[in-house]
Protein backbone atom coordinates (compact mmCIF):
# COMPACT_ATOMS: atom_id res chain seq x y z
CA MET A 1 7.46 12.03 31.21
CA SER A 2 4.05 10.86 31.87
CA ILE A 3 2.58 7.97 29.65
CA ARG A 4 -1.32 8.67 29.31
CA THR A 5 -2.79 5.20 29.23
CA GLY A 6 -6.92 4.47 27.83
CA THR A 7 -9.01 1.47 27.81
CA VAL A 8 -12.05 0.43 25.81
CA ALA A 9 -14.04 1.90 28.50
CA ASP A 10 -12.83 6.20 28.09
CA LEU A 11 -14.43 5.95 24.44
CA SER A 12 -18.10 6.80 23.89
CA ALA A 13 -20.29 4.19 22.96
CA SER A 14 -20.97 6.17 19.30
CA THR A 15 -17.14 6.26 19.28
CA ARG A 16 -17.44 2.16 19.27
CA LEU A 17 -19.65 1.63 17.12
CA ALA A 18 -18.41 3.45 14.48
CA VAL A 19 -15.06 1.32 14.33
CA GLY A 20 -17.05 -1.29 14.72
CA ILE A 21 -18.67 -0.97 11.74
CA ALA A 22 -15.81 0.17 10.21
CA ALA A 23 -14.16 -3.04 11.03
CA LEU A 24 -16.92 -4.72 9.79
CA PHE A 25 -17.52 -3.36 6.55
CA THR A 26 -12.94 -4.09 5.84
CA GLY A 27 -13.28 -7.13 7.25
CA ALA A 28 -16.27 -8.05 4.43
CA PHE A 29 -14.14 -5.40 1.95
CA LEU A 30 -11.72 -8.33 2.06
CA ILE A 31 -13.25 -11.46 2.30
CA TRP A 32 -15.73 -10.21 -0.10
CA GLY A 33 -12.60 -9.31 -2.47
CA VAL A 34 -10.47 -12.45 -2.15
CA GLY A 35 -13.50 -14.90 -2.44
CA PHE A 36 -14.11 -13.22 -6.61
CA ALA A 37 -10.73 -12.61 -7.26
CA HIS A 38 -8.86 -15.18 -9.57
CA SER A 39 -6.54 -17.49 -8.31
CA GLU A 40 -3.91 -16.21 -10.19
CA ALA A 41 -4.31 -12.21 -8.75
CA LEU A 42 -3.97 -13.96 -5.86
CA HIS A 43 -0.68 -16.61 -6.09
CA ASP A 44 0.75 -13.13 -7.71
CA THR A 45 0.16 -10.72 -4.95
CA ALA A 46 0.90 -13.11 -2.08
CA HIS A 47 4.18 -13.43 -4.64
CA ASP A 48 4.91 -9.65 -4.19
CA VAL A 49 4.02 -10.03 -0.67
CA ARG A 50 7.09 -12.20 0.34
CA HIS A 51 9.80 -10.79 -2.12
CA SER A 52 8.83 -7.48 -0.10
CA TYR A 53 9.57 -9.02 2.82
CA GLY A 54 12.65 -10.72 1.64
CA PHE A 55 11.48 -13.90 1.67
CA PRO A 56 13.05 -15.68 -0.98
CA CYS A 57 10.47 -17.91 -3.13
CA HIS A 58 12.58 -18.81 -6.07
C-alpha cells in the first residue's frame, strides 16, 4: 500500500487561481445571502441544523 501526498506547490498557477476564485465567490454568496436573509429564516435554518445533528433544543 502506498500513500501519495501532495502540496499546493504541485498545483499549477491556473488551478490555484480557479480554486481561489471559486472560494471567493462561495464565501461572497454565503455572506451576501446571510446579510439579506430574514432573521426568521436564519433562526429556522439554525434550528433545523441543530435537529439534524441530534442536539436537543426544546
